[in-house]
Amino acid sequence: MTRLITALSEIAPRYDALFVDLWGCVHDGVRALPDACTALVRYRETGGAVVLLTNSPRPRGDVERQMRAFGVPDAAWDTIATSGDSARAAMFEGAVGERVYFIGQPHEELFFEPIRVVDAPVHVTMVPLEEAEGIVCTGPFDPMADPAEMRPTFLYAKQKRLKLLCANPDIVVDRGEVREWCAGALARLYTEMGGTSLYFGKPHPPIYDLAHRRLAEVGHDSDNARILAIGDGAQTDILGAMGEDIDSLFITGGLAAKETKTSQQPDEAALKAYLEKENVYANYAIGYLR
């Protein structure tokens, strides 16, 4: 049964490292969440390591700049593993070919900057769909638009048997009070239409492999039994932790705030019903990271 806690400090001594989701846990897409930042700073002061594990399609450096703009202090984390970096590594290894059709916003073209973890990267160029060998998707052209608008494009792509590389498996995200569609919604649609989608963020294994490498880079070599995953996504953070056999702390005041009836803390009956509906198990739950 999921244990409801009131603060990270109640369980922190059991773990050497944290894999922490960003959006909905550390910031809301607009500004930092002060209590969460304070909890992570205090955890690091006790000797623990914090890996920010995000399904952002952005490179690590871009996420660092974004967090500082939101007011997340550097003292709250040790390193970052992004879905974007995991997917970029696969792209530069040739997962969807050298000529790719790009779906995303102009500022997300940073995705095509080389990544150092690939020894012999292929030369990837963006081309029109008619010339493409594959698709790279960092998110919708318009995050407020219905994903179904992509059906004609995806029908053509499926007929060409193009694979779609999804840089962010999240379906939706809340930017402040506004809910937006993510790349995962498009990848799900393409798969439902019979296309092939490749995933690299949570809950899929490649991003956890990257997180372990990043953890080792900062001098920590914790095994999964001493790692706690923290996040607000049942089908990303919590399902991913289950797949890796990592304990998890579910933040109910994020994406599932309404379903779990969270004000400061979730309603226990609503939480139980929600986790059962999502068919996931979290070791712990809390309204907001603090």
C-alpha atoms as a PDB file:
ATOM      1  CA  MET A   1       0.000   0.000   0.000  1.00  0.00           C
ATOM      2  CA  THR A   2       1.233   3.504  -0.841  1.00  0.00           C
ATOM      3  CA  ARG A   3       2.426   5.364   2.243  1.00  0.00           C
ATOM      4  CA  LEU A   4       1.400   9.001   2.560  1.00  0.00           C
ATOM      5  CA  ILE A   5       4.227  11.225   3.861  1.00  0.00           C
ATOM      6  CA  THR A   6       4.374  14.904   4.797  1.00  0.00           C
ATOM      7  CA  ALA A   7       8.008  15.695   3.892  1.00  0.00           C
ATOM      8  CA  LEU A   8      10.874  14.191   1.894  1.00  0.00           C
ATOM      9  CA  SER A   9      13.015  14.203   5.036  1.00  0.00           C
ATOM     10  CA  GLU A  10      10.868  11.381   6.502  1.00  0.00           C
ATOM     11  CA  ILE A  11      12.289   8.872   4.012  1.00  0.00           C
ATOM     12  CA  ALA A  12      15.414  10.602   2.646  1.00  0.00           C
ATOM     13  CA  PRO A  13      17.954   8.708   4.831  1.00  0.00           C
ATOM     14  CA  ARG A  14      17.011   5.473   3.039  1.00  0.00           C
ATOM     15  CA  TYR A  15      18.326   6.726  -0.301  1.00  0.00           C
ATOM     16  CA  ASP A  16      21.724   7.785  -1.654  1.00  0.00           C
ATOM     17  CA  ALA A  17      20.326   9.458  -4.770  1.00  0.00           C
ATOM     18  CA  LEU A  18      17.128  10.915  -6.170  1.00  0.00           C
ATOM     19  CA  PHE A  19      15.862  10.847  -9.760  1.00  0.00           C
ATOM     20  CA  VAL A  20      13.620  13.920  -9.718  1.00  0.00           C
ATOM     21  CA  ASP A  21      11.127  15.032 -12.347  1.00  0.00           C
ATOM     22  CA  LEU A  22      11.158  18.755 -13.076  1.00  0.00           C
ATOM     23  CA  TRP A  23       7.867  20.000 -14.458  1.00  0.00           C
ATOM     24  CA  GLY A  24       5.162  19.818 -11.781  1.00  0.00           C
ATOM     25  CA  CYS A  25       7.658  18.887  -9.076  1.00  0.00           C
ATOM     26  CA  VAL A  26      10.489  21.465  -9.018  1.00  0.00           C
ATOM     27  CA  HIS A  27       8.882  24.149 -11.198  1.00  0.00           C
ATOM     28  CA  ASP A  28       5.495  24.753 -12.813  1.00  0.00           C
ATOM     29  CA  GLY A  29       6.755  25.768 -16.230  1.00  0.00           C
ATOM     30  CA  VAL A  30       6.859  29.418 -15.187  1.00  0.00           C
ATOM     31  CA  ARG A  31       8.618  29.640 -11.821  1.00  0.00           C
ATOM     32  CA  ALA A  32      10.413  27.482  -9.245  1.00  0.00           C
ATOM     33  CA  LEU A  33       8.445  25.807  -6.443  1.00  0.00           C
ATOM     34  CA  PRO A  34      10.274  27.088  -3.327  1.00  0.00           C
ATOM     35  CA  ASP A  35       9.418  24.245  -0.937  1.00  0.00           C
ATOM     36  CA  ALA A  36      10.609  21.655  -3.435  1.00  0.00           C
ATOM     37  CA  CYS A  37      13.890  23.486  -4.013  1.00  0.00           C
ATOM     38  CA  THR A  38      14.476  23.782  -0.273  1.00  0.00           C
ATOM     39  CA  ALA A  39      13.842  20.051   0.222  1.00  0.00           C
ATOM     40  CA  LEU A  40      16.375  19.144  -2.476  1.00  0.00           C
ATOM     41  CA  VAL A  41      19.002  21.547  -1.135  1.00  0.00           C
ATOM     42  CA  ARG A  42      18.656  20.021   2.329  1.00  0.00           C
ATOM     43  CA  TYR A  43      18.856  16.507   0.912  1.00  0.00           C
ATOM     44  CA  ARG A  44      22.122  17.337  -0.861  1.00  0.00           C
ATOM     45  CA  GLU A  45      23.492  18.888   2.332  1.00  0.00           C
ATOM     46  CA  THR A  46      23.196  15.443   3.956  1.00  0.00           C
ATOM     47  CA  GLY A  47      25.359  13.904   1.216  1.00  0.00           C
ATOM     48  CA  GLY A  48      22.673  12.733  -1.199  1.00  0.00           C
ATOM     49  CA  ALA A  49      22.873  13.250  -4.964  1.00  0.00           C
ATOM     50  CA  VAL A  50      20.093  14.701  -7.095  1.00  0.00           C
ATOM     51  CA  VAL A  51      19.675  13.833 -10.765  1.00  0.00           C
ATOM     52  CA  LEU A  52      17.021  15.956 -12.440  1.00  0.00           C
ATOM     53  CA  LEU A  53      15.384  13.418 -14.745  1.00  0.00           C
ATOM     54  CA  THR A  54      13.175  15.195 -17.246  1.00  0.00           C
ATOM     55  CA  ASN A  55      11.246  14.354 -20.373  1.00  0.00           C
ATOM     56  CA  SER A  56      12.173  17.746 -21.778  1.00  0.00           C
ATOM     57  CA  PRO A  57      13.297  17.474 -25.412  1.00  0.00           C
ATOM     58  CA  ARG A  58      15.904  20.179 -24.703  1.00  0.00           C
ATOM     59  CA  PRO A  59      19.638  19.506 -24.315  1.00  0.00           C
ATOM     60  CA  ARG A  60      20.988  19.512 -20.765  1.00  0.00           C
ATOM     61  CA  GLY A  61      22.586  22.959 -21.064  1.00  0.00           C
ATOM     62  CA  ASP A  62      19.365  24.502 -22.281  1.00  0.00           C
ATOM     63  CA  VAL A  63      17.472  23.009 -19.326  1.00  0.00           C
ATOM     64  CA  GLU A  64      20.081  24.464 -16.957  1.00  0.00           C
ATOM     65  CA  ARG A  65      19.502  27.938 -18.394  1.00  0.00           C
ATOM     66  CA  GLN A  66      15.746  27.498 -18.220  1.00  0.00           C
ATOM     67  CA  MET A  67      15.851  26.457 -14.553  1.00  0.00           C
ATOM     68  CA  ARG A  68      17.972  29.430 -13.575  1.00  0.00           C
ATOM     69  CA  ALA A  69      15.469  31.697 -15.331  1.00  0.00           C
ATOM     70  CA  PHE A  70      12.690  30.068 -13.290  1.00  0.00           C
ATOM     71  CA  GLY A  71      14.653  30.585 -10.057  1.00  0.00           C
ATOM     72  CA  VAL A  72      15.698  26.987  -9.324  1.00  0.00           C
ATOM     73  CA  PRO A  73      18.984  27.242  -7.357  1.00  0.00           C
ATOM     74  CA  ASP A  74      22.063  25.330  -8.539  1.00  0.00           C
ATOM     75  CA  ALA A  75      22.380  23.963  -4.990  1.00  0.00           C
ATOM     76  CA  ALA A  76      19.225  21.898  -5.527  1.00  0.00           C
ATOM     77  CA  TRP A  77      20.779  19.458  -8.013  1.00  0.00           C
ATOM     78  CA  ASP A  78      23.973  17.690  -9.085  1.00  0.00           C
ATOM     79  CA  THR A  79      23.310  16.806 -12.709  1.00  0.00           C
ATOM     80  CA  ILE A  80      20.617  16.528 -15.360  1.00  0.00           C
ATOM     81  CA  ALA A  81      19.448  13.772 -17.702  1.00  0.00           C
ATOM     82  CA  THR A  82      16.982  14.804 -20.385  1.00  0.00           C
ATOM     83  CA  SER A  83      14.837  12.809 -22.735  1.00  0.00           C
ATOM     84  CA  GLY A  84      16.162  15.110 -25.418  1.00  0.00           C
ATOM     85  CA  ASP A  85      19.773  14.062 -24.821  1.00  0.00           C
ATOM     86  CA  SER A  86      18.828  10.384 -24.797  1.00  0.00           C
ATOM     87  CA  ALA A  87      16.868  10.785 -28.032  1.00  0.00           C
ATOM     88  CA  ARG A  88      19.598  12.935 -29.624  1.00  0.00           C
ATOM     89  CA  ALA A  89      22.148  10.209 -28.994  1.00  0.00           C
ATOM     90  CA  ALA A  90      19.901   7.730 -30.818  1.00  0.00           C
ATOM     91  CA  MET A  91      19.305  10.174 -33.670  1.00  0.00           C
ATOM     92  CA  PHE A  92      23.036  10.728 -34.200  1.00  0.00           C
ATOM     93  CA  GLU A  93      23.497   6.951 -34.176  1.00  0.00           C
ATOM     94  CA  GLY A  94      21.152   6.824 -37.191  1.00  0.00           C
ATOM     95  CA  ALA A  95      17.946   5.584 -35.545  1.00  0.00           C
ATOM     96  CA  VAL A  96      15.723   7.366 -38.102  1.00  0.00           C
ATOM     97  CA  GLY A  97      18.204   7.973 -40.907  1.00  0.00           C
ATOM     98  CA  GLU A  98      20.200  10.999 -41.999  1.00  0.00           C
ATOM     99  CA  ARG A  99      17.446  13.038 -43.712  1.00  0.00           C
ATOM    100  CA  VAL A 100      14.673  13.770 -41.236  1.00  0.00           C
ATOM    101  CA  TYR A 101      11.409  15.690 -41.150  1.00  0.00           C
ATOM    102  CA  PHE A 102      11.255  17.840 -38.010  1.00  0.00           C
ATOM    103  CA  ILE A 103       8.083  18.373 -35.968  1.00  0.00           C
ATOM    104  CA  GLY A 104       8.542  20.981 -33.249  1.00  0.00           C
ATOM    105  CA  GLN A 105       8.888  24.680 -32.557  1.00  0.00           C
ATOM    106  CA  PRO A 106      11.778  26.791 -33.921  1.00  0.00           C
ATOM    107  CA  HIS A 107      13.510  27.147 -30.541  1.00  0.00           C
ATOM    108  CA  GLU A 108      13.622  23.344 -30.260  1.00  0.00           C
ATOM    109  CA  GLU A 109      15.984  23.052 -33.223  1.00  0.00           C
ATOM    110  CA  LEU A 110      18.762  22.998 -30.608  1.00  0.00           C
ATOM    111  CA  PHE A 111      17.945  19.287 -30.622  1.00  0.00           C
ATOM    112  CA  PHE A 112      20.121  18.970 -33.727  1.00  0.00           C
ATOM    113  CA  GLU A 113      23.290  20.207 -32.018  1.00  0.00           C
ATOM    114  CA  PRO A 114      25.867  17.364 -31.751  1.00  0.00           C
ATOM    115  CA  ILE A 115      26.074  15.372 -28.520  1.00  0.00           C
ATOM    116  CA  ARG A 116      29.416  14.169 -27.171  1.00  0.00           C
ATOM    117  CA  VAL A 117      28.311  10.687 -26.079  1.00  0.00           C
ATOM    118  CA  VAL A 118      28.196   9.517 -29.715  1.00  0.00           C
ATOM    119  CA  ASP A 119      31.646   8.582 -31.028  1.00  0.00           C
ATOM    120  CA  ALA A 120      30.918   8.605 -34.764  1.00  0.00           C
ATOM    121  CA  PRO A 121      27.697  10.572 -35.334  1.00  0.00           C
ATOM    122  CA  VAL A 122      25.879  10.407 -38.652  1.00  0.00           C
ATOM    123  CA  HIS A 123      25.268  13.696 -40.466  1.00  0.00           C
ATOM    124  CA  VAL A 124      21.615  14.584 -39.846  1.00  0.00           C
ATOM    125  CA  THR A 125      19.819  17.222 -41.909  1.00  0.00           C
ATOM    126  CA  MET A 126      16.249  18.540 -41.799  1.00  0.00           C
ATOM    127  CA  VAL A 127      14.334  18.055 -45.057  1.00  0.00           C
ATOM    128  CA  PRO A 128      10.720  18.253 -46.280  1.00  0.00           C
ATOM    129  CA  LEU A 129       8.552  15.252 -45.460  1.00  0.00           C
ATOM    130  CA  GLU A 130       8.631  14.043 -49.075  1.00  0.00           C
ATOM    131  CA  GLU A 131      12.438  13.669 -48.893  1.00  0.00           C
ATOM    132  CA  ALA A 132      12.664  12.251 -45.355  1.00  0.00           C
ATOM    133  CA  GLU A 133      13.963   8.888 -44.180  1.00  0.00           C
ATOM    134  CA  GLY A 134      12.431   9.392 -40.735  1.00  0.00           C
ATOM    135  CA  ILE A 135      10.746  11.871 -38.397  1.00  0.00           C
ATOM    136  CA  VAL A 136      12.076  13.666 -35.327  1.00  0.00           C
ATOM    137  CA  CYS A 137       9.396  15.067 -33.014  1.00  0.00           C
ATOM    138  CA  THR A 138      10.248  17.323 -30.059  1.00  0.00           C
ATOM    139  CA  GLY A 139       6.638  18.479 -29.678  1.00  0.00           C
ATOM    140  CA  PRO A 140       3.708  19.850 -31.684  1.00  0.00           C
ATOM    141  CA  PHE A 141       4.110  22.811 -34.009  1.00  0.00           C
ATOM    142  CA  ASP A 142       1.398  24.389 -31.838  1.00  0.00           C
ATOM    143  CA  PRO A 143       1.125  22.917 -28.304  1.00  0.00           C
ATOM    144  CA  MET A 144      -2.461  24.168 -27.992  1.00  0.00           C
ATOM    145  CA  ALA A 145      -3.681  22.510 -31.206  1.00  0.00           C
ATOM    146  CA  ASP A 146      -5.522  19.182 -31.301  1.00  0.00           C
ATOM    147  CA  PRO A 147      -2.990  16.425 -32.151  1.00  0.00           C
ATOM    148  CA  ALA A 148      -5.559  15.034 -34.612  1.00  0.00           C
ATOM    149  CA  GLU A 149      -4.603  17.862 -36.972  1.00  0.00           C
ATOM    150  CA  MET A 150      -1.478  15.808 -37.761  1.00  0.00           C
ATOM    151  CA  ARG A 151      -3.466  12.874 -39.185  1.00  0.00           C
ATOM    152  CA  PRO A 152      -2.925  13.747 -42.887  1.00  0.00           C
ATOM    153  CA  THR A 153       0.824  14.154 -42.315  1.00  0.00           C
ATOM    154  CA  PHE A 154       1.013  10.908 -40.374  1.00  0.00           C
ATOM    155  CA  LEU A 155      -0.999   8.988 -42.960  1.00  0.00           C
ATOM    156  CA  TYR A 156       1.544   9.952 -45.619  1.00  0.00           C
ATOM    157  CA  ALA A 157       4.459   9.161 -43.267  1.00  0.00           C
ATOM    158  CA  LYS A 158       3.007   5.761 -42.405  1.00  0.00           C
ATOM    159  CA  GLN A 159       2.628   4.928 -46.093  1.00  0.00           C
ATOM    160  CA  LYS A 160       6.337   5.755 -46.508  1.00  0.00           C
ATOM    161  CA  ARG A 161       7.054   3.538 -43.437  1.00  0.00           C
ATOM    162  CA  LEU A 162       8.883   6.333 -41.667  1.00  0.00           C
ATOM    163  CA  LYS A 163       9.853   5.836 -38.034  1.00  0.00           C
ATOM    164  CA  LEU A 164       9.081   8.659 -35.637  1.00  0.00           C
ATOM    165  CA  LEU A 165      11.656   9.484 -32.952  1.00  0.00           C
ATOM    166  CA  CYS A 166       9.796  10.931 -29.950  1.00  0.00           C
ATOM    167  CA  ALA A 167      11.983  13.236 -27.853  1.00  0.00           C
ATOM    168  CA  ASN A 168       9.402  13.669 -25.074  1.00  0.00           C
ATOM    169  CA  PRO A 169       6.991  10.823 -24.202  1.00  0.00           C
ATOM    170  CA  ASP A 170       4.810  13.109 -22.031  1.00  0.00           C
ATOM    171  CA  ILE A 171       1.262  13.449 -23.332  1.00  0.00           C
ATOM    172  CA  VAL A 172       0.478  16.785 -21.673  1.00  0.00           C
ATOM    173  CA  VAL A 173       2.189  19.290 -19.380  1.00  0.00           C
ATOM    174  CA  ASP A 174       0.879  22.203 -17.324  1.00  0.00           C
ATOM    175  CA  ARG A 175       2.590  25.529 -17.962  1.00  0.00           C
ATOM    176  CA  GLY A 176       1.339  27.458 -14.960  1.00  0.00           C
ATOM    177  CA  GLU A 177      -2.442  27.136 -15.306  1.00  0.00           C
ATOM    178  CA  VAL A 178      -2.375  26.227 -19.014  1.00  0.00           C
ATOM    179  CA  ARG A 179      -2.311  22.602 -20.202  1.00  0.00           C
ATOM    180  CA  GLU A 180      -0.306  21.919 -23.375  1.00  0.00           C
ATOM    181  CA  TRP A 181       0.151  18.912 -25.648  1.00  0.00           C
ATOM    182  CA  CYS A 182       3.587  17.266 -25.804  1.00  0.00           C
ATOM    183  CA  ALA A 183       5.416  15.080 -28.314  1.00  0.00           C
ATOM    184  CA  GLY A 184       4.080  11.933 -26.648  1.00  0.00           C
ATOM    185  CA  ALA A 185       0.570  12.798 -27.803  1.00  0.00           C
ATOM    186  CA  LEU A 186       1.741  12.874 -31.416  1.00  0.00           C
ATOM    187  CA  ALA A 187       3.759   9.676 -31.065  1.00  0.00           C
ATOM    188  CA  ARG A 188       0.745   7.947 -29.522  1.00  0.00           C
ATOM    189  CA  LEU A 189      -1.441   9.074 -32.429  1.00  0.00           C
ATOM    190  CA  TYR A 190       1.123   7.894 -34.987  1.00  0.00           C
ATOM    191  CA  THR A 191       1.334   4.496 -33.294  1.00  0.00           C
ATOM    192  CA  GLU A 192      -2.464   4.208 -33.173  1.00  0.00           C
ATOM    193  CA  MET A 193      -2.518   4.908 -36.925  1.00  0.00           C
ATOM    194  CA  GLY A 194      -0.111   2.021 -37.503  1.00  0.00           C
ATOM    195  CA  GLY A 195       3.168   3.914 -37.595  1.00  0.00           C
ATOM    196  CA  THR A 196       6.310   3.102 -35.618  1.00  0.00           C
ATOM    197  CA  SER A 197       7.308   5.440 -32.770  1.00  0.00           C
ATOM    198  CA  LEU A 198      10.625   5.252 -30.903  1.00  0.00           C
ATOM    199  CA  TYR A 199      10.668   6.501 -27.302  1.00  0.00           C
ATOM    200  CA  PHE A 200      13.656   7.568 -25.190  1.00  0.00           C
ATOM    201  CA  GLY A 201      12.265   9.361 -22.136  1.00  0.00           C
ATOM    202  CA  LYS A 202      10.445   8.088 -19.075  1.00  0.00           C
ATOM    203  CA  PRO A 203       9.119   5.404 -18.679  1.00  0.00           C
ATOM    204  CA  HIS A 204      11.480   3.836 -21.245  1.00  0.00           C
ATOM    205  CA  PRO A 205      14.906   2.368 -20.304  1.00  0.00           C
ATOM    206  CA  PRO A 206      17.290   4.595 -22.340  1.00  0.00           C
ATOM    207  CA  ILE A 207      16.809   7.687 -20.173  1.00  0.00           C
ATOM    208  CA  TYR A 208      17.487   5.669 -17.008  1.00  0.00           C
ATOM    209  CA  ASP A 209      20.733   4.400 -18.521  1.00  0.00           C
ATOM    210  CA  LEU A 210      21.675   8.027 -19.186  1.00  0.00           C
ATOM    211  CA  ALA A 211      20.710   8.998 -15.613  1.00  0.00           C
ATOM    212  CA  HIS A 212      23.004   6.331 -14.181  1.00  0.00           C
ATOM    213  CA  ARG A 213      25.870   7.539 -16.381  1.00  0.00           C
ATOM    214  CA  ARG A 214      25.288  11.117 -15.275  1.00  0.00           C
ATOM    215  CA  LEU A 215      25.145   9.991 -11.636  1.00  0.00           C
ATOM    216  CA  ALA A 216      28.501   8.223 -12.016  1.00  0.00           C
ATOM    217  CA  GLU A 217      29.974  11.375 -13.567  1.00  0.00           C
ATOM    218  CA  VAL A 218      29.334  13.267 -10.300  1.00  0.00           C
ATOM    219  CA  GLY A 219      30.973  10.567  -8.180  1.00  0.00           C
ATOM    220  CA  HIS A 220      27.969   8.501  -7.111  1.00  0.00           C
ATOM    221  CA  ASP A 221      27.502   4.870  -8.078  1.00  0.00           C
ATOM    222  CA  SER A 222      24.260   3.976  -6.315  1.00  0.00           C
ATOM    223  CA  ASP A 223      22.403   0.803  -7.156  1.00  0.00           C
ATOM    224  CA  ASN A 224      18.657   0.932  -7.775  1.00  0.00           C
ATOM    225  CA  ALA A 225      17.780  -0.166  -4.238  1.00  0.00           C
ATOM    226  CA  ARG A 226      19.262   3.104  -2.913  1.00  0.00           C
ATOM    227  CA  ILE A 227      17.611   5.403  -5.489  1.00  0.00           C
ATOM    228  CA  LEU A 228      14.236   7.123  -5.113  1.00  0.00           C
ATOM    229  CA  ALA A 229      12.335   8.376  -8.168  1.00  0.00           C
ATOM    230  CA  ILE A 230      10.117  11.428  -7.628  1.00  0.00           C
ATOM    231  CA  GLY A 231       7.503  12.625 -10.082  1.00  0.00           C
ATOM    232  CA  ASP A 232       3.916  13.589 -10.831  1.00  0.00           C
ATOM    233  CA  GLY A 233       3.369  11.442 -13.936  1.00  0.00           C
ATOM    234  CA  ALA A 234       1.758   8.060 -13.288  1.00  0.00           C
ATOM    235  CA  GLN A 235       2.538   6.703 -16.755  1.00  0.00           C
ATOM    236  CA  THR A 236       6.029   8.243 -16.959  1.00  0.00           C
ATOM    237  CA  ASP A 237       7.708   8.780 -13.575  1.00  0.00           C
ATOM    238  CA  ILE A 238       5.949   6.055 -11.596  1.00  0.00           C
ATOM    239  CA  LEU A 239       5.671   3.449 -14.350  1.00  0.00           C
ATOM    240  CA  GLY A 240       9.310   4.067 -15.264  1.00  0.00           C
ATOM    241  CA  ALA A 241      10.419   3.560 -11.666  1.00  0.00           C
ATOM    242  CA  MET A 242       8.489   0.299 -11.546  1.00  0.00           C
ATOM    243  CA  GLY A 243      10.206  -0.898 -14.711  1.00  0.00           C
ATOM    244  CA  GLU A 244      13.634  -0.118 -13.247  1.00  0.00           C
ATOM    245  CA  ASP A 245      12.767  -1.609  -9.822  1.00  0.00           C
ATOM    246  CA  ILE A 246      13.281   1.791  -8.180  1.00  0.00           C
ATOM    247  CA  ASP A 247      11.201   3.061  -5.257  1.00  0.00           C
ATOM    248  CA  SER A 248       8.996   6.045  -6.081  1.00  0.00           C
ATOM    249  CA  LEU A 249       7.426   9.096  -4.472  1.00  0.00           C
ATOM    250  CA  PHE A 250       4.299  10.253  -6.310  1.00  0.00           C
ATOM    251  CA  ILE A 251       3.649  14.022  -6.299  1.00  0.00           C
ATOM    252  CA  THR A 252      -0.138  14.140  -6.400  1.00  0.00           C
ATOM    253  CA  GLY A 253      -0.529  17.913  -6.722  1.00  0.00           C
ATOM    254  CA  GLY A 254       0.800  17.992 -10.293  1.00  0.00           C
ATOM    255  CA  LEU A 255      -0.901  16.389 -13.273  1.00  0.00           C
ATOM    256  CA  ALA A 256      -3.236  14.334 -11.066  1.00  0.00           C
ATOM    257  CA  ALA A 257      -4.247  17.087  -8.624  1.00  0.00           C
ATOM    258  CA  LYS A 258      -7.928  16.938  -9.635  1.00  0.00           C
ATOM    259  CA  GLU A 259      -8.165  13.150  -9.689  1.00  0.00           C
ATOM    260  CA  THR A 260      -6.475  12.757  -6.296  1.00  0.00           C
ATOM    261  CA  LYS A 261      -8.391  15.702  -4.747  1.00  0.00           C
ATOM    262  CA  THR A 262      -5.128  17.296  -3.654  1.00  0.00           C
ATOM    263  CA  SER A 263      -5.131  20.570  -1.763  1.00  0.00           C
ATOM    264  CA  GLN A 264      -2.063  20.274   0.458  1.00  0.00           C
ATOM    265  CA  GLN A 265      -2.323  16.481   0.595  1.00  0.00           C
ATOM    266  CA  PRO A 266      -4.294  13.988  -1.499  1.00  0.00           C
ATOM    267  CA  ASP A 267      -7.503  12.352  -0.409  1.00  0.00           C
ATOM    268  CA  GLU A 268      -6.380   8.801   0.422  1.00  0.00           C
ATOM    269  CA  ALA A 269      -9.379   7.096  -1.151  1.00  0.00           C
ATOM    270  CA  ALA A 270      -9.061   9.192  -4.315  1.00  0.00           C
ATOM    271  CA  LEU A 271      -5.326   8.464  -4.473  1.00  0.00           C
ATOM    272  CA  LYS A 272      -5.914   4.729  -4.151  1.00  0.00           C
ATOM    273  CA  ALA A 273      -8.584   4.793  -6.867  1.00  0.00           C
ATOM    274  CA  TYR A 274      -6.362   6.820  -9.198  1.00  0.00           C
ATOM    275  CA  LEU A 275      -3.344   4.542  -8.873  1.00  0.00           C
ATOM    276  CA  GLU A 276      -5.550   1.505  -9.428  1.00  0.00           C
ATOM    277  CA  LYS A 277      -7.052   3.096 -12.549  1.00  0.00           C
ATOM    278  CA  GLU A 278      -3.574   3.876 -13.883  1.00  0.00           C
ATOM    279  CA  ASN A 279      -2.420   0.364 -12.913  1.00  0.00           C
ATOM    280  CA  VAL A 280       0.734   1.644 -11.175  1.00  0.00           C
ATOM    281  CA  TYR A 281       2.184   1.381  -7.670  1.00  0.00           C
ATOM    282  CA  ALA A 282       4.038   4.134  -5.815  1.00  0.00           C
ATOM    283  CA  ASN A 283       5.854   3.414  -2.568  1.00  0.00           C
ATOM    284  CA  TYR A 284       5.070   6.880  -1.221  1.00  0.00           C
ATOM    285  CA  ALA A 285       2.881   9.859  -2.036  1.00  0.00           C
ATOM    286  CA  ILE A 286       2.786  13.512  -1.035  1.00  0.00           C
ATOM    287  CA  GLY A 287       0.769  16.497  -2.212  1.00  0.00           C
ATOM    288  CA  TYR A 288       3.773  18.616  -3.160  1.00  0.00           C
ATOM    289  CA  LEU A 289       7.504  18.047  -2.860  1.00  0.00           C
ATOM    290  CA  ARG A 290       8.692  19.634   0.378  1.00  0.00           C
END
